[in-house]
């Protein structure tokens, strides 16, 4: 939980492994201990890094939302969200989905449904502070999910079973509270909180999330 505190306050780059390890507390193995020690070693080697927030020239809300399909032993998917206003991640979350989805498109739609409320709350908060805010830009890397939201209905027989409550995102778009746009996977910051990344991709996304690059 001390590591979780650090991840929530200053080092969101360790949030994904800490969320996973927190779910293993009651059934931890030596392998889990090894993973945790690797996280601590990474923190020790990068102790100069910390979350840095700075505003942009225009107050514009951006949200990156992504999901990894059926990555957990119980077949549940995993959702990640990053919200930015200027430089650095204003809000991040990495969480298990509560429902078992039947496709990657459905997992993405559930991820939108579970996290879009935070986007709207942040936009409303900024408006209450006196800022004039354009519709929040919500980035998705799944074109099928974007098509379903725009249509307000499933696009094939494989997704017709999804409950209608997941389509309130379309209503938010019609009310011009959000604007859903496609983002290629290599630029999807929320990927950082849904799957382990390595090499240059990890470093590029980490630096953007921590606020060292735009």
N, C-alpha and C. Protein backbone atom coordinates (compact mmCIF):
# COMPACT_ATOMS: atom_id res chain seq x y z
N UNK A 1 0.82 -1.20 0.00
CA UNK A 1 0.00 0.00 0.00
C UNK A 1 0.86 1.27 0.00
N UNK A 2 2.07 1.19 0.54
CA UNK A 2 2.98 2.33 0.44
C UNK A 2 3.34 2.58 -1.02
N UNK A 3 3.57 1.51 -1.76
CA UNK A 3 3.86 1.64 -3.18
C UNK A 3 2.65 2.18 -3.93
N UNK A 4 1.44 1.77 -3.53
CA UNK A 4 0.23 2.28 -4.15
C UNK A 4 0.09 3.78 -3.90
N UNK A 5 0.43 4.23 -2.69
CA UNK A 5 0.39 5.65 -2.37
C UNK A 5 1.33 6.43 -3.30
N UNK A 6 2.54 5.91 -3.49
CA UNK A 6 3.51 6.56 -4.37
C UNK A 6 3.00 6.59 -5.81
N UNK A 7 2.38 5.48 -6.24
CA UNK A 7 1.86 5.41 -7.61
C UNK A 7 0.73 6.40 -7.83
N UNK A 8 -0.11 6.60 -6.83
CA UNK A 8 -1.25 7.50 -6.95
C UNK A 8 -0.84 8.97 -6.87
N UNK A 9 0.23 9.27 -6.15
CA UNK A 9 0.57 10.66 -5.88
C UNK A 9 1.69 11.20 -6.78
N UNK A 10 2.70 10.39 -7.05
CA UNK A 10 3.87 10.95 -7.74
C UNK A 10 4.47 10.07 -8.82
N UNK A 11 4.20 8.76 -8.80
CA UNK A 11 4.82 7.85 -9.75
C UNK A 11 3.79 6.95 -10.43
N UNK A 12 2.94 7.54 -11.27
CA UNK A 12 1.94 6.71 -11.96
C UNK A 12 2.54 5.68 -12.90
N UNK A 13 3.83 5.79 -13.20
CA UNK A 13 4.47 4.82 -14.08
C UNK A 13 4.58 3.43 -13.45
N UNK A 14 4.33 3.30 -12.14
CA UNK A 14 4.36 1.97 -11.52
C UNK A 14 2.96 1.49 -11.16
N UNK A 15 1.94 2.21 -11.58
CA UNK A 15 0.57 1.88 -11.14
C UNK A 15 0.11 0.51 -11.62
N UNK A 16 0.36 0.17 -12.88
CA UNK A 16 -0.12 -1.11 -13.41
C UNK A 16 0.41 -2.30 -12.63
N UNK A 17 1.73 -2.45 -12.44
CA UNK A 17 2.20 -3.62 -11.67
C UNK A 17 1.72 -3.60 -10.22
N UNK A 18 1.58 -2.42 -9.62
CA UNK A 18 1.14 -2.35 -8.23
C UNK A 18 -0.33 -2.76 -8.11
N UNK A 19 -1.15 -2.36 -9.07
CA UNK A 19 -2.56 -2.79 -9.07
C UNK A 19 -2.64 -4.31 -9.16
N UNK A 20 -1.83 -4.89 -10.04
CA UNK A 20 -1.83 -6.35 -10.17
C UNK A 20 -1.36 -7.01 -8.87
N UNK A 21 -0.27 -6.54 -8.31
CA UNK A 21 0.27 -7.15 -7.09
C UNK A 21 -0.67 -6.97 -5.91
N UNK A 22 -1.40 -5.85 -5.87
CA UNK A 22 -2.37 -5.64 -4.78
C UNK A 22 -3.46 -6.70 -4.82
N UNK A 23 -3.79 -7.21 -6.00
CA UNK A 23 -4.80 -8.25 -6.11
C UNK A 23 -4.28 -9.62 -5.68
N UNK A 24 -2.97 -9.70 -5.44
CA UNK A 24 -2.34 -10.97 -5.08
C UNK A 24 -2.00 -11.06 -3.59
N UNK A 25 -2.40 -10.07 -2.81
CA UNK A 25 -1.96 -9.98 -1.41
C UNK A 25 -2.32 -11.24 -0.62
N UNK A 26 -3.52 -11.76 -0.80
CA UNK A 26 -3.97 -12.91 0.00
C UNK A 26 -3.46 -14.24 -0.53
N UNK A 27 -2.84 -14.24 -1.72
CA UNK A 27 -2.35 -15.49 -2.31
C UNK A 27 -1.00 -15.28 -2.98
N UNK A 28 -0.18 -14.45 -2.35
CA UNK A 28 1.11 -14.09 -2.94
C UNK A 28 2.06 -15.29 -3.00
N UNK A 29 2.87 -15.32 -4.05
CA UNK A 29 3.87 -16.37 -4.24
C UNK A 29 5.26 -15.74 -4.28
N UNK A 30 6.27 -16.59 -4.34
CA UNK A 30 7.64 -16.07 -4.46
C UNK A 30 7.81 -15.31 -5.77
N UNK A 31 7.10 -15.73 -6.80
CA UNK A 31 7.16 -15.02 -8.08
C UNK A 31 6.61 -13.60 -7.94
N UNK A 32 5.52 -13.45 -7.17
CA UNK A 32 4.98 -12.12 -6.93
C UNK A 32 5.98 -11.25 -6.16
N UNK A 33 6.66 -11.86 -5.18
CA UNK A 33 7.67 -11.12 -4.43
C UNK A 33 8.79 -10.63 -5.36
N UNK A 34 9.20 -11.49 -6.29
CA UNK A 34 10.24 -11.12 -7.25
C UNK A 34 9.80 -9.95 -8.10
N UNK A 35 8.52 -9.97 -8.52
CA UNK A 35 7.99 -8.87 -9.32
C UNK A 35 7.98 -7.56 -8.53
N UNK A 36 7.60 -7.65 -7.26
CA UNK A 36 7.56 -6.45 -6.44
C UNK A 36 8.97 -5.89 -6.22
N UNK A 37 9.94 -6.77 -6.02
CA UNK A 37 11.32 -6.33 -5.84
C UNK A 37 11.84 -5.65 -7.11
N UNK A 38 11.39 -6.11 -8.27
CA UNK A 38 11.79 -5.46 -9.53
C UNK A 38 11.21 -4.05 -9.61
N UNK A 39 9.97 -3.88 -9.14
CA UNK A 39 9.37 -2.55 -9.12
C UNK A 39 10.17 -1.63 -8.20
N UNK A 40 10.54 -2.14 -7.01
CA UNK A 40 11.32 -1.33 -6.07
C UNK A 40 12.69 -0.98 -6.65
N UNK A 41 13.28 -1.92 -7.37
CA UNK A 41 14.57 -1.65 -8.00
C UNK A 41 14.44 -0.57 -9.07
N UNK A 42 13.36 -0.65 -9.83
CA UNK A 42 13.10 0.37 -10.86
C UNK A 42 12.93 1.75 -10.20
N UNK A 43 12.18 1.80 -9.10
CA UNK A 43 11.99 3.07 -8.40
C UNK A 43 13.32 3.62 -7.88
N UNK A 44 14.12 2.75 -7.35
CA UNK A 44 15.41 3.18 -6.81
C UNK A 44 16.32 3.72 -7.91
N UNK A 45 16.26 3.11 -9.08
CA UNK A 45 17.11 3.53 -10.19
C UNK A 45 16.60 4.78 -10.91
N UNK A 46 15.34 5.13 -10.64
CA UNK A 46 14.75 6.31 -11.30
C UNK A 46 14.19 7.27 -10.25
N UNK A 47 14.83 7.37 -9.11
CA UNK A 47 14.30 8.14 -7.99
C UNK A 47 14.21 9.63 -8.32
N UNK A 48 14.91 10.09 -9.36
CA UNK A 48 14.84 11.50 -9.73
C UNK A 48 13.55 11.83 -10.49
N UNK A 49 12.83 10.82 -10.96
CA UNK A 49 11.60 11.06 -11.72
C UNK A 49 10.44 11.33 -10.77
N UNK A 50 9.53 12.20 -11.23
CA UNK A 50 8.30 12.47 -10.47
C UNK A 50 7.29 13.08 -11.41
N UNK A 51 6.03 13.03 -11.04
CA UNK A 51 4.97 13.61 -11.86
C UNK A 51 5.09 15.13 -11.88
N UNK A 52 5.09 15.70 -13.09
CA UNK A 52 5.17 17.15 -13.25
C UNK A 52 3.97 17.61 -14.08
N UNK A 53 3.19 18.52 -13.54
CA UNK A 53 2.01 19.03 -14.22
C UNK A 53 2.22 20.48 -14.62
N UNK A 54 1.84 20.81 -15.85
CA UNK A 54 1.91 22.20 -16.30
C UNK A 54 0.76 22.44 -17.27
N UNK A 55 0.13 23.62 -17.22
CA UNK A 55 -1.02 23.89 -18.08
C UNK A 55 -0.60 24.18 -19.51
N UNK A 56 -1.51 23.93 -20.44
CA UNK A 56 -1.28 24.32 -21.81
C UNK A 56 -1.70 25.76 -22.03
N UNK A 57 -1.44 26.29 -23.22
CA UNK A 57 -1.84 27.66 -23.53
C UNK A 57 -3.36 27.79 -23.60
N UNK A 58 -4.04 26.68 -23.95
CA UNK A 58 -5.50 26.63 -23.99
C UNK A 58 -5.96 25.49 -23.09
N UNK A 59 -6.94 25.76 -22.24
CA UNK A 59 -7.47 24.72 -21.36
C UNK A 59 -8.32 23.76 -22.20
N UNK A 60 -7.75 22.61 -22.51
CA UNK A 60 -8.44 21.62 -23.31
C UNK A 60 -8.29 20.25 -22.65
N UNK A 61 -9.41 19.58 -22.45
CA UNK A 61 -9.42 18.29 -21.75
C UNK A 61 -9.26 17.15 -22.74
N UNK A 62 -8.29 16.29 -22.48
CA UNK A 62 -8.05 15.11 -23.32
C UNK A 62 -8.09 13.87 -22.44
N UNK A 63 -8.75 12.82 -22.90
CA UNK A 63 -8.84 11.57 -22.15
C UNK A 63 -8.49 10.40 -23.07
N UNK A 64 -7.60 9.56 -22.62
CA UNK A 64 -7.21 8.36 -23.35
C UNK A 64 -7.78 7.17 -22.59
N UNK A 65 -8.62 6.37 -23.25
CA UNK A 65 -9.27 5.23 -22.59
C UNK A 65 -9.02 3.98 -23.41
N UNK A 66 -8.56 2.94 -22.75
CA UNK A 66 -8.22 1.70 -23.46
C UNK A 66 -8.54 0.50 -22.58
N UNK A 67 -8.66 -0.65 -23.22
CA UNK A 67 -8.91 -1.89 -22.48
C UNK A 67 -8.14 -3.04 -23.12
N UNK A 68 -7.64 -3.93 -22.30
CA UNK A 68 -7.01 -5.18 -22.76
C UNK A 68 -7.97 -6.32 -22.52
N UNK A 69 -8.25 -7.08 -23.57
CA UNK A 69 -9.30 -8.08 -23.53
C UNK A 69 -8.84 -9.38 -22.86
N UNK A 70 -9.62 -9.82 -21.85
CA UNK A 70 -9.47 -11.14 -21.22
C UNK A 70 -8.04 -11.45 -20.79
N UNK A 71 -7.40 -10.52 -20.12
CA UNK A 71 -6.00 -10.70 -19.74
C UNK A 71 -5.83 -11.31 -18.35
N UNK A 72 -6.93 -11.47 -17.61
CA UNK A 72 -6.84 -12.00 -16.26
C UNK A 72 -7.28 -13.48 -16.24
N UNK A 73 -6.83 -14.24 -15.23
CA UNK A 73 -7.15 -15.67 -15.18
C UNK A 73 -8.65 -15.97 -15.19
N UNK A 74 -9.47 -15.05 -14.67
CA UNK A 74 -10.91 -15.28 -14.67
C UNK A 74 -11.58 -14.73 -15.93
N UNK A 75 -10.76 -14.42 -16.95
CA UNK A 75 -11.22 -13.97 -18.27
C UNK A 75 -11.72 -12.52 -18.27
N UNK A 76 -11.57 -11.81 -17.16
CA UNK A 76 -11.95 -10.40 -17.17
C UNK A 76 -10.90 -9.57 -17.91
N UNK A 77 -11.35 -8.44 -18.43
CA UNK A 77 -10.46 -7.52 -19.14
C UNK A 77 -9.97 -6.44 -18.18
N UNK A 78 -9.10 -5.58 -18.68
CA UNK A 78 -8.48 -4.55 -17.83
C UNK A 78 -8.60 -3.20 -18.51
N UNK A 79 -8.99 -2.18 -17.75
CA UNK A 79 -9.21 -0.84 -18.28
C UNK A 79 -8.14 0.13 -17.77
N UNK A 80 -7.73 1.02 -18.65
CA UNK A 80 -6.82 2.09 -18.27
C UNK A 80 -7.33 3.42 -18.79
N UNK A 81 -7.11 4.48 -18.01
CA UNK A 81 -7.52 5.83 -18.43
C UNK A 81 -6.47 6.84 -18.03
N UNK A 82 -6.22 7.79 -18.92
CA UNK A 82 -5.33 8.91 -18.65
C UNK A 82 -6.06 10.18 -19.05
N UNK A 83 -6.12 11.15 -18.14
CA UNK A 83 -6.73 12.45 -18.44
C UNK A 83 -5.65 13.51 -18.34
N UNK A 84 -5.56 14.35 -19.38
CA UNK A 84 -4.59 15.44 -19.38
C UNK A 84 -5.28 16.76 -19.70
N UNK A 85 -4.70 17.84 -19.23
CA UNK A 85 -5.14 19.19 -19.59
C UNK A 85 -4.00 19.92 -20.30
N UNK A 86 -2.82 19.82 -19.75
CA UNK A 86 -1.64 20.40 -20.36
C UNK A 86 -0.59 19.32 -20.52
N UNK A 87 0.49 19.46 -19.76
CA UNK A 87 1.58 18.49 -19.81
C UNK A 87 1.55 17.65 -18.53
N UNK A 88 1.60 16.35 -18.69
CA UNK A 88 1.53 15.45 -17.54
C UNK A 88 0.13 14.92 -17.34
N UNK A 89 0.03 13.77 -16.68
CA UNK A 89 -1.26 13.12 -16.47
C UNK A 89 -1.94 13.67 -15.23
N UNK A 90 -3.07 14.34 -15.44
CA UNK A 90 -3.84 14.90 -14.32
C UNK A 90 -4.53 13.80 -13.53
N UNK A 91 -4.97 12.75 -14.23
CA UNK A 91 -5.69 11.65 -13.58
C UNK A 91 -5.36 10.37 -14.32
N UNK A 92 -5.04 9.31 -13.59
CA UNK A 92 -4.81 8.00 -14.19
C UNK A 92 -5.51 6.94 -13.35
N UNK A 93 -5.91 5.87 -14.01
CA UNK A 93 -6.49 4.75 -13.29
C UNK A 93 -6.25 3.48 -14.07
N UNK A 94 -5.97 2.41 -13.36
CA UNK A 94 -5.78 1.09 -13.94
C UNK A 94 -6.60 0.12 -13.11
N UNK A 95 -7.57 -0.57 -13.75
CA UNK A 95 -8.50 -1.37 -12.95
C UNK A 95 -9.01 -2.60 -13.69
N UNK A 96 -9.35 -3.62 -12.90
CA UNK A 96 -10.00 -4.81 -13.44
C UNK A 96 -11.43 -4.43 -13.84
N UNK A 97 -11.91 -4.97 -14.96
CA UNK A 97 -13.31 -4.79 -15.30
C UNK A 97 -14.16 -5.74 -14.47
N UNK A 98 -15.35 -5.29 -14.08
CA UNK A 98 -16.23 -6.11 -13.25
C UNK A 98 -17.01 -7.14 -14.05
N UNK A 99 -17.12 -6.92 -15.35
CA UNK A 99 -17.86 -7.83 -16.22
C UNK A 99 -16.91 -8.62 -17.10
N UNK A 100 -17.33 -9.80 -17.50
CA UNK A 100 -16.59 -10.60 -18.47
C UNK A 100 -17.14 -10.28 -19.85
N UNK A 101 -16.30 -9.77 -20.73
CA UNK A 101 -16.72 -9.40 -22.08
C UNK A 101 -16.45 -10.55 -23.05
N UNK A 102 -17.12 -10.51 -24.19
CA UNK A 102 -17.02 -11.58 -25.18
C UNK A 102 -16.15 -11.21 -26.37
N UNK A 103 -15.68 -9.97 -26.42
CA UNK A 103 -14.83 -9.54 -27.53
C UNK A 103 -14.03 -8.32 -27.09
N UNK A 104 -12.99 -8.01 -27.85
CA UNK A 104 -12.19 -6.83 -27.53
C UNK A 104 -13.00 -5.55 -27.69
N UNK A 105 -13.90 -5.53 -28.67
CA UNK A 105 -14.75 -4.36 -28.86
C UNK A 105 -15.65 -4.14 -27.66
N UNK A 106 -16.22 -5.22 -27.15
CA UNK A 106 -17.07 -5.10 -25.97
C UNK A 106 -16.27 -4.65 -24.76
N UNK A 107 -15.04 -5.15 -24.63
CA UNK A 107 -14.18 -4.74 -23.51
C UNK A 107 -13.88 -3.25 -23.59
N UNK A 108 -13.63 -2.75 -24.80
CA UNK A 108 -13.38 -1.31 -24.98
C UNK A 108 -14.62 -0.49 -24.60
N UNK A 109 -15.79 -0.99 -24.98
CA UNK A 109 -17.03 -0.26 -24.69
C UNK A 109 -17.31 -0.24 -23.19
N UNK A 110 -17.05 -1.34 -22.52
CA UNK A 110 -17.19 -1.39 -21.07
C UNK A 110 -16.21 -0.43 -20.42
N UNK A 111 -14.98 -0.37 -20.95
CA UNK A 111 -13.99 0.56 -20.43
C UNK A 111 -14.45 2.00 -20.55
N UNK A 112 -15.05 2.34 -21.69
CA UNK A 112 -15.62 3.68 -21.86
C UNK A 112 -16.71 3.95 -20.84
N UNK A 113 -17.61 2.98 -20.69
CA UNK A 113 -18.74 3.14 -19.78
C UNK A 113 -18.27 3.34 -18.34
N UNK A 114 -17.23 2.61 -17.95
CA UNK A 114 -16.76 2.64 -16.56
C UNK A 114 -16.00 3.92 -16.22
N UNK A 115 -15.43 4.59 -17.22
CA UNK A 115 -14.52 5.70 -16.93
C UNK A 115 -14.98 7.05 -17.46
N UNK A 116 -15.94 7.08 -18.36
CA UNK A 116 -16.34 8.35 -18.97
C UNK A 116 -16.91 9.32 -17.95
N UNK A 117 -17.47 8.78 -16.85
CA UNK A 117 -18.01 9.65 -15.80
C UNK A 117 -16.93 10.55 -15.20
N UNK A 118 -15.71 10.04 -15.06
CA UNK A 118 -14.62 10.85 -14.52
C UNK A 118 -14.28 11.99 -15.48
N UNK A 119 -14.36 11.72 -16.78
CA UNK A 119 -14.08 12.75 -17.77
C UNK A 119 -15.11 13.89 -17.65
N UNK A 120 -16.38 13.52 -17.55
CA UNK A 120 -17.44 14.51 -17.43
C UNK A 120 -17.31 15.29 -16.13
N UNK A 121 -16.99 14.60 -15.03
CA UNK A 121 -16.82 15.28 -13.74
C UNK A 121 -15.69 16.31 -13.84
N UNK A 122 -14.58 15.94 -14.47
CA UNK A 122 -13.45 16.86 -14.59
C UNK A 122 -13.83 18.08 -15.43
N UNK A 123 -14.57 17.85 -16.52
CA UNK A 123 -15.01 18.95 -17.37
C UNK A 123 -15.96 19.88 -16.60
N UNK A 124 -16.90 19.29 -15.87
CA UNK A 124 -17.84 20.11 -15.08
C UNK A 124 -17.12 20.91 -14.00
N UNK A 125 -16.11 20.30 -13.39
CA UNK A 125 -15.33 20.99 -12.35
C UNK A 125 -14.62 22.21 -12.93
N UNK A 126 -14.02 22.04 -14.11
CA UNK A 126 -13.33 23.16 -14.74
C UNK A 126 -14.30 24.28 -15.10
N UNK A 127 -15.49 23.90 -15.58
CA UNK A 127 -16.50 24.91 -15.90
C UNK A 127 -16.96 25.65 -14.64
N UNK A 128 -17.09 24.90 -13.53
CA UNK A 128 -17.49 25.52 -12.28
C UNK A 128 -16.42 26.48 -11.76
N UNK A 129 -15.17 26.26 -12.17
CA UNK A 129 -14.07 27.15 -11.79
C UNK A 129 -14.02 28.39 -12.67
N UNK A 130 -14.90 28.44 -13.68
CA UNK A 130 -14.98 29.64 -14.51
C UNK A 130 -14.33 29.52 -15.87
N UNK A 131 -13.83 28.33 -16.22
CA UNK A 131 -13.20 28.15 -17.52
C UNK A 131 -14.25 27.79 -18.58
N UNK A 132 -14.04 28.28 -19.78
CA UNK A 132 -14.89 27.91 -20.91
C UNK A 132 -14.25 26.70 -21.58
N UNK A 133 -14.92 25.55 -21.50
CA UNK A 133 -14.31 24.30 -21.93
C UNK A 133 -15.01 23.76 -23.18
N UNK A 134 -14.20 23.43 -24.18
CA UNK A 134 -14.71 22.75 -25.36
C UNK A 134 -15.08 21.31 -24.99
N UNK A 135 -15.81 20.60 -25.84
CA UNK A 135 -16.09 19.19 -25.56
C UNK A 135 -14.79 18.43 -25.29
N UNK A 136 -14.78 17.58 -24.28
CA UNK A 136 -13.59 16.80 -23.96
C UNK A 136 -13.30 15.83 -25.10
N UNK A 137 -12.05 15.77 -25.51
CA UNK A 137 -11.65 14.84 -26.57
C UNK A 137 -11.30 13.50 -25.94
N UNK A 138 -12.05 12.47 -26.30
CA UNK A 138 -11.83 11.12 -25.77
C UNK A 138 -11.23 10.28 -26.88
N UNK A 139 -10.04 9.74 -26.62
CA UNK A 139 -9.32 8.96 -27.63
C UNK A 139 -9.53 7.48 -27.43
N UNK A 140 -9.79 6.78 -28.53
CA UNK A 140 -9.99 5.34 -28.55
C UNK A 140 -9.19 4.77 -29.72
N UNK A 141 -8.60 3.57 -29.53
CA UNK A 141 -7.84 2.97 -30.63
C UNK A 141 -8.59 1.84 -31.33
N UNK A 142 -9.85 1.61 -30.92
CA UNK A 142 -10.65 0.55 -31.52
C UNK A 142 -11.72 1.18 -32.41
N UNK A 143 -11.57 1.02 -33.72
CA UNK A 143 -12.50 1.65 -34.66
C UNK A 143 -13.91 1.09 -34.55
N UNK A 144 -14.05 -0.20 -34.21
CA UNK A 144 -15.37 -0.80 -34.06
C UNK A 144 -16.12 -0.18 -32.88
N UNK A 145 -15.40 0.08 -31.80
CA UNK A 145 -16.02 0.72 -30.64
C UNK A 145 -16.49 2.13 -30.98
N UNK A 146 -15.67 2.87 -31.70
CA UNK A 146 -16.05 4.22 -32.12
C UNK A 146 -17.30 4.17 -33.00
N UNK A 147 -17.35 3.20 -33.92
CA UNK A 147 -18.52 3.07 -34.80
C UNK A 147 -19.78 2.74 -34.01
N UNK A 148 -19.66 1.89 -32.98
CA UNK A 148 -20.81 1.54 -32.16
C UNK A 148 -21.33 2.75 -31.41
N UNK A 149 -20.42 3.57 -30.88
CA UNK A 149 -20.85 4.77 -30.15
C UNK A 149 -21.52 5.75 -31.09
N UNK A 150 -20.92 5.97 -32.25
CA UNK A 150 -21.50 6.90 -33.22
C UNK A 150 -22.87 6.43 -33.71
N UNK A 151 -23.02 5.12 -33.91
CA UNK A 151 -24.30 4.58 -34.38
C UNK A 151 -25.33 4.48 -33.27
N UNK A 152 -24.83 4.36 -32.04
CA UNK A 152 -25.74 4.18 -30.91
C UNK A 152 -26.36 2.81 -30.87
N UNK A 153 -25.77 1.87 -31.58
CA UNK A 153 -26.30 0.50 -31.64
C UNK A 153 -25.19 -0.43 -32.05
N UNK A 154 -25.29 -1.73 -31.71
CA UNK A 154 -24.28 -2.70 -32.12
C UNK A 154 -24.15 -2.76 -33.63
N UNK A 155 -22.94 -3.06 -34.10
CA UNK A 155 -22.69 -3.11 -35.54
C UNK A 155 -22.74 -4.52 -36.10
N UNK A 156 -22.86 -5.53 -35.25
CA UNK A 156 -22.94 -6.90 -35.74
C UNK A 156 -23.67 -7.77 -34.72
N UNK A 157 -23.99 -9.01 -35.12
CA UNK A 157 -24.71 -9.91 -34.23
C UNK A 157 -23.88 -10.29 -33.01
N UNK A 158 -22.55 -10.15 -33.10
CA UNK A 158 -21.68 -10.52 -31.98
C UNK A 158 -21.77 -9.55 -30.82
N UNK A 159 -22.29 -8.34 -31.06
CA UNK A 159 -22.35 -7.34 -30.00
C UNK A 159 -23.76 -6.90 -29.69
N UNK A 160 -24.77 -7.56 -30.25
CA UNK A 160 -26.15 -7.15 -30.03
C UNK A 160 -26.62 -7.42 -28.60
N UNK A 161 -25.91 -8.31 -27.90
CA UNK A 161 -26.34 -8.67 -26.55
C UNK A 161 -25.96 -7.62 -25.52
N UNK A 162 -25.11 -6.65 -25.89
CA UNK A 162 -24.63 -5.67 -24.91
C UNK A 162 -25.77 -4.78 -24.46
N UNK A 163 -25.89 -4.64 -23.15
CA UNK A 163 -26.99 -3.85 -22.59
C UNK A 163 -26.93 -2.41 -23.07
N UNK A 164 -28.09 -1.82 -23.27
CA UNK A 164 -28.20 -0.47 -23.80
C UNK A 164 -27.53 0.57 -22.91
N UNK A 165 -27.31 0.25 -21.65
CA UNK A 165 -26.74 1.26 -20.74
C UNK A 165 -25.32 1.63 -21.16
N UNK A 166 -24.67 0.78 -21.96
CA UNK A 166 -23.32 1.10 -22.38
C UNK A 166 -23.29 2.12 -23.52
N UNK A 167 -24.44 2.53 -24.00
CA UNK A 167 -24.46 3.43 -25.14
C UNK A 167 -24.75 4.88 -24.74
N UNK A 168 -24.69 5.17 -23.43
CA UNK A 168 -24.93 6.55 -23.03
C UNK A 168 -23.79 7.45 -23.48
N UNK A 169 -22.66 6.87 -23.89
CA UNK A 169 -21.57 7.66 -24.43
C UNK A 169 -22.02 8.43 -25.66
N UNK A 170 -22.88 7.80 -26.48
CA UNK A 170 -23.39 8.49 -27.66
C UNK A 170 -24.19 9.72 -27.26
N UNK A 171 -24.96 9.61 -26.19
CA UNK A 171 -25.74 10.75 -25.72
C UNK A 171 -24.84 11.90 -25.29
N UNK A 172 -23.74 11.57 -24.64
CA UNK A 172 -22.78 12.61 -24.23
C UNK A 172 -22.19 13.30 -25.44
N UNK A 173 -21.95 12.54 -26.49
CA UNK A 173 -21.39 13.12 -27.71
C UNK A 173 -22.42 14.02 -28.39
N UNK A 174 -23.67 13.59 -28.41
CA UNK A 174 -24.72 14.41 -29.02
C UNK A 174 -24.92 15.71 -28.26
N UNK A 175 -24.71 15.69 -26.95
CA UNK A 175 -24.84 16.90 -26.13
C UNK A 175 -23.58 17.75 -26.16
N UNK A 176 -22.60 17.30 -26.95
CA UNK A 176 -21.33 18.02 -27.14
C UNK A 176 -20.56 18.18 -25.84
N UNK A 177 -20.67 17.18 -24.98
CA UNK A 177 -19.84 17.16 -23.78
C UNK A 177 -18.52 16.44 -24.04
N UNK A 178 -18.53 15.51 -24.99
CA UNK A 178 -17.30 14.82 -25.39
C UNK A 178 -17.24 14.75 -26.91
N UNK A 179 -16.05 14.48 -27.40
CA UNK A 179 -15.83 14.25 -28.82
C UNK A 179 -14.94 13.01 -28.94
N UNK A 180 -15.46 11.94 -29.50
CA UNK A 180 -14.72 10.67 -29.58
C UNK A 180 -13.88 10.65 -30.85
N UNK A 181 -12.58 10.41 -30.69
CA UNK A 181 -11.68 10.39 -31.82
C UNK A 181 -10.80 9.14 -31.77
N UNK A 182 -10.35 8.74 -32.96
CA UNK A 182 -9.46 7.58 -33.05
C UNK A 182 -8.03 7.99 -32.74
N UNK A 183 -7.34 7.14 -32.01
CA UNK A 183 -5.93 7.34 -31.69
C UNK A 183 -5.18 6.04 -31.98
N UNK A 184 -4.17 6.06 -32.84
CA UNK A 184 -3.39 4.83 -33.11
C UNK A 184 -2.80 4.27 -31.83
N UNK A 185 -2.62 2.97 -31.82
CA UNK A 185 -2.15 2.29 -30.60
C UNK A 185 -0.81 2.84 -30.11
N UNK A 186 0.08 3.24 -31.03
CA UNK A 186 1.38 3.73 -30.60
C UNK A 186 1.31 5.06 -29.87
N UNK A 187 0.16 5.75 -29.96
CA UNK A 187 0.00 7.00 -29.24
C UNK A 187 -1.02 6.92 -28.12
N UNK A 188 -1.56 5.73 -27.87
CA UNK A 188 -2.60 5.54 -26.85
C UNK A 188 -1.96 5.44 -25.47
N UNK A 189 -1.98 6.56 -24.74
CA UNK A 189 -1.33 6.61 -23.43
C UNK A 189 -1.94 5.61 -22.45
N UNK A 190 -3.24 5.32 -22.59
CA UNK A 190 -3.89 4.40 -21.65
C UNK A 190 -3.35 2.98 -21.78
N UNK A 191 -2.68 2.66 -22.90
CA UNK A 191 -2.03 1.35 -23.04
C UNK A 191 -1.06 1.10 -21.90
N UNK A 192 -0.47 2.18 -21.40
CA UNK A 192 0.51 2.09 -20.32
C UNK A 192 -0.08 1.48 -19.07
N UNK A 193 -1.42 1.58 -18.93
CA UNK A 193 -2.09 1.11 -17.72
C UNK A 193 -2.95 -0.13 -17.96
N UNK A 194 -2.77 -0.77 -19.12
CA UNK A 194 -3.53 -1.99 -19.40
C UNK A 194 -2.64 -3.18 -19.73
N UNK A 195 -1.40 -2.93 -20.11
CA UNK A 195 -0.50 -4.03 -20.49
C UNK A 195 0.95 -3.62 -20.25
N UNK A 196 1.83 -4.59 -19.98
CA UNK A 196 3.24 -4.26 -19.78
C UNK A 196 3.87 -3.81 -21.10
N UNK A 197 4.57 -2.69 -21.08
CA UNK A 197 5.27 -2.18 -22.25
C UNK A 197 6.77 -2.27 -22.00
N UNK A 198 7.53 -2.29 -23.09
CA UNK A 198 8.98 -2.43 -22.96
C UNK A 198 9.69 -1.47 -23.88
N UNK A 199 10.97 -1.29 -23.61
CA UNK A 199 11.85 -0.56 -24.52
C UNK A 199 11.47 0.89 -24.72
N UNK A 200 11.67 1.34 -25.98
CA UNK A 200 11.44 2.73 -26.33
C UNK A 200 10.01 3.18 -26.14
N UNK A 201 9.04 2.27 -26.41
CA UNK A 201 7.64 2.63 -26.25
C UNK A 201 7.33 2.93 -24.79
N UNK A 202 7.85 2.12 -23.87
CA UNK A 202 7.66 2.36 -22.44
C UNK A 202 8.22 3.71 -22.04
N UNK A 203 9.44 4.02 -22.51
CA UNK A 203 10.09 5.27 -22.12
C UNK A 203 9.35 6.47 -22.68
N UNK A 204 8.89 6.39 -23.94
CA UNK A 204 8.18 7.52 -24.54
C UNK A 204 6.88 7.81 -23.81
N UNK A 205 6.11 6.75 -23.53
CA UNK A 205 4.84 6.95 -22.85
C UNK A 205 5.05 7.39 -21.41
N UNK A 206 6.04 6.82 -20.74
CA UNK A 206 6.33 7.22 -19.36
C UNK A 206 6.65 8.70 -19.28
N UNK A 207 7.48 9.18 -20.19
CA UNK A 207 7.87 10.59 -20.15
C UNK A 207 6.68 11.51 -20.44
N UNK A 208 5.75 11.08 -21.30
CA UNK A 208 4.56 11.89 -21.55
C UNK A 208 3.62 11.91 -20.33
N UNK A 209 3.46 10.75 -19.71
CA UNK A 209 2.57 10.65 -18.56
C UNK A 209 3.13 11.43 -17.37
N UNK A 210 4.44 11.39 -17.17
CA UNK A 210 5.05 12.10 -16.05
C UNK A 210 5.22 13.59 -16.33
N UNK A 211 5.02 14.00 -17.59
CA UNK A 211 5.09 15.42 -17.90
C UNK A 211 6.45 15.92 -18.34
N UNK A 212 7.33 15.02 -18.78
CA UNK A 212 8.64 15.44 -19.24
C UNK A 212 8.65 15.76 -20.73
N UNK A 213 7.67 15.25 -21.48
CA UNK A 213 7.51 15.58 -22.89
C UNK A 213 6.04 15.75 -23.19
N UNK A 214 5.71 16.41 -24.29
CA UNK A 214 4.33 16.61 -24.71
C UNK A 214 3.89 15.46 -25.61
